[in-house]
Amino acid sequence: MKGKRHTTEEKIRILRDAGGGKNIVELCREKNISEQTFHRT
């Protein structure tokens, strides 16, 4: 089963949130993605 594909804009938004000082674990839960997916982007 394939997962959801995130658009480039979504990826940029998530990375900016993380760069803004947000905790990565909390951010991943909020965006409903795994930490592994976050680190692959």
PDB file of N, CA and C in Angstrom:
ATOM      1  N   MET A   1       0.832  -1.178   0.000  1.00  0.00           N
ATOM      2  CA  MET A   1       0.000   0.000   0.000  1.00  0.00           C
ATOM      3  C   MET A   1       0.881   1.248   0.000  1.00  0.00           C
ATOM      4  N   LYS A   2       0.630   2.134  -0.929  1.00  0.00           N
ATOM      5  CA  LYS A   2       1.419   3.348  -1.030  1.00  0.00           C
ATOM      6  C   LYS A   2       0.897   4.403  -0.075  1.00  0.00           C
ATOM      7  N   GLY A   3       1.825   5.192   0.441  1.00  0.00           N
ATOM      8  CA  GLY A   3       1.447   6.285   1.323  1.00  0.00           C
ATOM      9  C   GLY A   3       1.146   7.547   0.537  1.00  0.00           C
ATOM     10  N   LYS A   4       0.817   8.582   1.256  1.00  0.00           N
ATOM     11  CA  LYS A   4       0.498   9.865   0.625  1.00  0.00           C
ATOM     12  C   LYS A   4       1.788  10.530   0.130  1.00  0.00           C
ATOM     13  N   ARG A   5       1.719  11.108  -1.022  1.00  0.00           N
ATOM     14  CA  ARG A   5       2.847  11.872  -1.553  1.00  0.00           C
ATOM     15  C   ARG A   5       2.666  13.334  -1.162  1.00  0.00           C
ATOM     16  N   HIS A   6       3.705  13.924  -0.609  1.00  0.00           N
ATOM     17  CA  HIS A   6       3.645  15.318  -0.209  1.00  0.00           C
ATOM     18  C   HIS A   6       4.167  16.197  -1.342  1.00  0.00           C
ATOM     19  N   THR A   7       3.500  17.324  -1.552  1.00  0.00           N
ATOM     20  CA  THR A   7       3.946  18.237  -2.592  1.00  0.00           C
ATOM     21  C   THR A   7       5.192  18.965  -2.118  1.00  0.00           C
ATOM     22  N   THR A   8       5.880  19.596  -3.042  1.00  0.00           N
ATOM     23  CA  THR A   8       7.072  20.360  -2.703  1.00  0.00           C
ATOM     24  C   THR A   8       6.744  21.468  -1.716  1.00  0.00           C
ATOM     25  N   GLU A   9       5.604  22.115  -1.899  1.00  0.00           N
ATOM     26  CA  GLU A   9       5.201  23.197  -0.998  1.00  0.00           C
ATOM     27  C   GLU A   9       4.989  22.677   0.424  1.00  0.00           C
ATOM     28  N   GLU A  10       4.382  21.500   0.543  1.00  0.00           N
ATOM     29  CA  GLU A  10       4.163  20.910   1.870  1.00  0.00           C
ATOM     30  C   GLU A  10       5.495  20.584   2.546  1.00  0.00           C
ATOM     31  N   LYS A  11       6.426  20.042   1.777  1.00  0.00           N
ATOM     32  CA  LYS A  11       7.739  19.704   2.328  1.00  0.00           C
ATOM     33  C   LYS A  11       8.462  20.949   2.822  1.00  0.00           C
ATOM     34  N   ILE A  12       8.429  22.010   2.037  1.00  0.00           N
ATOM     35  CA  ILE A  12       9.081  23.259   2.416  1.00  0.00           C
ATOM     36  C   ILE A  12       8.461  23.821   3.686  1.00  0.00           C
ATOM     37  N   ARG A  13       7.127  23.771   3.773  1.00  0.00           N
ATOM     38  CA  ARG A  13       6.426  24.278   4.954  1.00  0.00           C
ATOM     39  C   ARG A  13       6.828  23.503   6.205  1.00  0.00           C
ATOM     40  N   ILE A  14       6.930  22.187   6.093  1.00  0.00           N
ATOM     41  CA  ILE A  14       7.313  21.352   7.229  1.00  0.00           C
ATOM     42  C   ILE A  14       8.747  21.651   7.658  1.00  0.00           C
ATOM     43  N   LEU A  15       9.655  21.781   6.704  1.00  0.00           N
ATOM     44  CA  LEU A  15      11.049  22.070   7.030  1.00  0.00           C
ATOM     45  C   LEU A  15      11.218  23.458   7.644  1.00  0.00           C
ATOM     46  N   ARG A  16      10.441  24.425   7.179  1.00  0.00           N
ATOM     47  CA  ARG A  16      10.497  25.771   7.771  1.00  0.00           C
ATOM     48  C   ARG A  16      10.005  25.750   9.212  1.00  0.00           C
ATOM     49  N   ASP A  17       8.953  24.979   9.474  1.00  0.00           N
ATOM     50  CA  ASP A  17       8.459  24.854  10.847  1.00  0.00           C
ATOM     51  C   ASP A  17       9.532  24.265  11.754  1.00  0.00           C
ATOM     52  N   ALA A  18      10.245  23.270  11.257  1.00  0.00           N
ATOM     53  CA  ALA A  18      11.307  22.640  12.048  1.00  0.00           C
ATOM     54  C   ALA A  18      12.465  23.606  12.247  1.00  0.00           C
ATOM     55  N   GLY A  19      12.778  24.400  11.242  1.00  0.00           N
ATOM     56  CA  GLY A  19      13.853  25.379  11.353  1.00  0.00           C
ATOM     57  C   GLY A  19      13.498  26.527  12.269  1.00  0.00           C
ATOM     58  N   GLY A  20      12.216  26.727  12.506  1.00  0.00           N
ATOM     59  CA  GLY A  20      11.756  27.793  13.376  1.00  0.00           C
ATOM     60  C   GLY A  20      11.857  27.450  14.848  1.00  0.00           C
ATOM     61  N   GLY A  21      12.431  26.308  15.163  1.00  0.00           N
ATOM     62  CA  GLY A  21      12.641  25.933  16.552  1.00  0.00           C
ATOM     63  C   GLY A  21      11.607  24.967  17.105  1.00  0.00           C
ATOM     64  N   LYS A  22      10.725  24.467  16.269  1.00  0.00           N
ATOM     65  CA  LYS A  22       9.729  23.514  16.734  1.00  0.00           C
ATOM     66  C   LYS A  22      10.376  22.153  16.932  1.00  0.00           C
ATOM     67  N   ASN A  23       9.927  21.423  17.935  1.00  0.00           N
ATOM     68  CA  ASN A  23      10.431  20.086  18.222  1.00  0.00           C
ATOM     69  C   ASN A  23      10.039  19.155  17.065  1.00  0.00           C
ATOM     70  N   ILE A  24      10.987  18.400  16.550  1.00  0.00           N
ATOM     71  CA  ILE A  24      10.752  17.548  15.389  1.00  0.00           C
ATOM     72  C   ILE A  24       9.719  16.465  15.696  1.00  0.00           C
ATOM     73  N   VAL A  25       9.786  15.870  16.883  1.00  0.00           N
ATOM     74  CA  VAL A  25       8.840  14.812  17.240  1.00  0.00           C
ATOM     75  C   VAL A  25       7.414  15.364  17.261  1.00  0.00           C
ATOM     76  N   GLU A  26       7.233  16.512  17.877  1.00  0.00           N
ATOM     77  CA  GLU A  26       5.907  17.136  17.935  1.00  0.00           C
ATOM     78  C   GLU A  26       5.427  17.530  16.542  1.00  0.00           C
ATOM     79  N   LEU A  27       6.322  18.070  15.738  1.00  0.00           N
ATOM     80  CA  LEU A  27       5.981  18.477  14.381  1.00  0.00           C
ATOM     81  C   LEU A  27       5.518  17.282  13.548  1.00  0.00           C
ATOM     82  N   CYS A  28       6.220  16.159  13.677  1.00  0.00           N
ATOM     83  CA  CYS A  28       5.849  14.958  12.925  1.00  0.00           C
ATOM     84  C   CYS A  28       4.475  14.455  13.341  1.00  0.00           C
ATOM     85  N   ARG A  29       4.196  14.488  14.624  1.00  0.00           N
ATOM     86  CA  ARG A  29       2.866  14.068  15.101  1.00  0.00           C
ATOM     87  C   ARG A  29       1.792  14.997  14.565  1.00  0.00           C
ATOM     88  N   GLU A  30       2.070  16.294  14.600  1.00  0.00           N
ATOM     89  CA  GLU A  30       1.113  17.305  14.137  1.00  0.00           C
ATOM     90  C   GLU A  30       0.809  17.137  12.646  1.00  0.00           C
ATOM     91  N   LYS A  31       1.834  16.871  11.852  1.00  0.00           N
ATOM     92  CA  LYS A  31       1.672  16.728  10.400  1.00  0.00           C
ATOM     93  C   LYS A  31       1.336  15.304   9.989  1.00  0.00           C
ATOM     94  N   ASN A  32       1.304  14.391  10.975  1.00  0.00           N
ATOM     95  CA  ASN A  32       0.958  13.000  10.743  1.00  0.00           C
ATOM     96  C   ASN A  32       1.939  12.313   9.781  1.00  0.00           C
ATOM     97  N   ILE A  33       3.236  12.527  10.037  1.00  0.00           N
ATOM     98  CA  ILE A  33       4.284  11.854   9.274  1.00  0.00           C
ATOM     99  C   ILE A  33       5.249  11.196  10.256  1.00  0.00           C
ATOM    100  N   SER A  34       5.998  10.225   9.807  1.00  0.00           N
ATOM    101  CA  SER A  34       6.977   9.583  10.678  1.00  0.00           C
ATOM    102  C   SER A  34       8.257  10.404  10.697  1.00  0.00           C
ATOM    103  N   GLU A  35       9.061  10.175  11.735  1.00  0.00           N
ATOM    104  CA  GLU A  35      10.351  10.877  11.813  1.00  0.00           C
ATOM    105  C   GLU A  35      11.250  10.466  10.654  1.00  0.00           C
ATOM    106  N   GLN A  36      11.148   9.227  10.240  1.00  0.00           N
ATOM    107  CA  GLN A  36      11.956   8.746   9.118  1.00  0.00           C
ATOM    108  C   GLN A  36      11.612   9.511   7.844  1.00  0.00           C
ATOM    109  N   THR A  37      10.321   9.749   7.632  1.00  0.00           N
ATOM    110  CA  THR A  37       9.888  10.523   6.465  1.00  0.00           C
ATOM    111  C   THR A  37      10.427  11.936   6.554  1.00  0.00           C
ATOM    112  N   PHE A  38      10.407  12.518   7.730  1.00  0.00           N
ATOM    113  CA  PHE A  38      10.921  13.877   7.915  1.00  0.00           C
ATOM    114  C   PHE A  38      12.396  13.946   7.533  1.00  0.00           C
ATOM    115  N   HIS A  39      13.180  13.000   8.003  1.00  0.00           N
ATOM    116  CA  HIS A  39      14.614  13.039   7.755  1.00  0.00           C
ATOM    117  C   HIS A  39      14.975  12.700   6.306  1.00  0.00           C
ATOM    118  N   ARG A  40      14.073  12.058   5.574  1.00  0.00           N
ATOM    119  CA  ARG A  40      14.307  11.777   4.158  1.00  0.00           C
ATOM    120  C   ARG A  40      14.116  13.002   3.283  1.00  0.00           C
ATOM    121  N   THR A  41      13.341  14.006   3.748  1.00  0.00           N
ATOM    122  CA  THR A  41      13.065  15.189   2.937  1.00  0.00           C
ATOM    123  C   THR A  41      14.197  16.150   2.911  1.00  0.00           C
TER     124      THR A  41
END
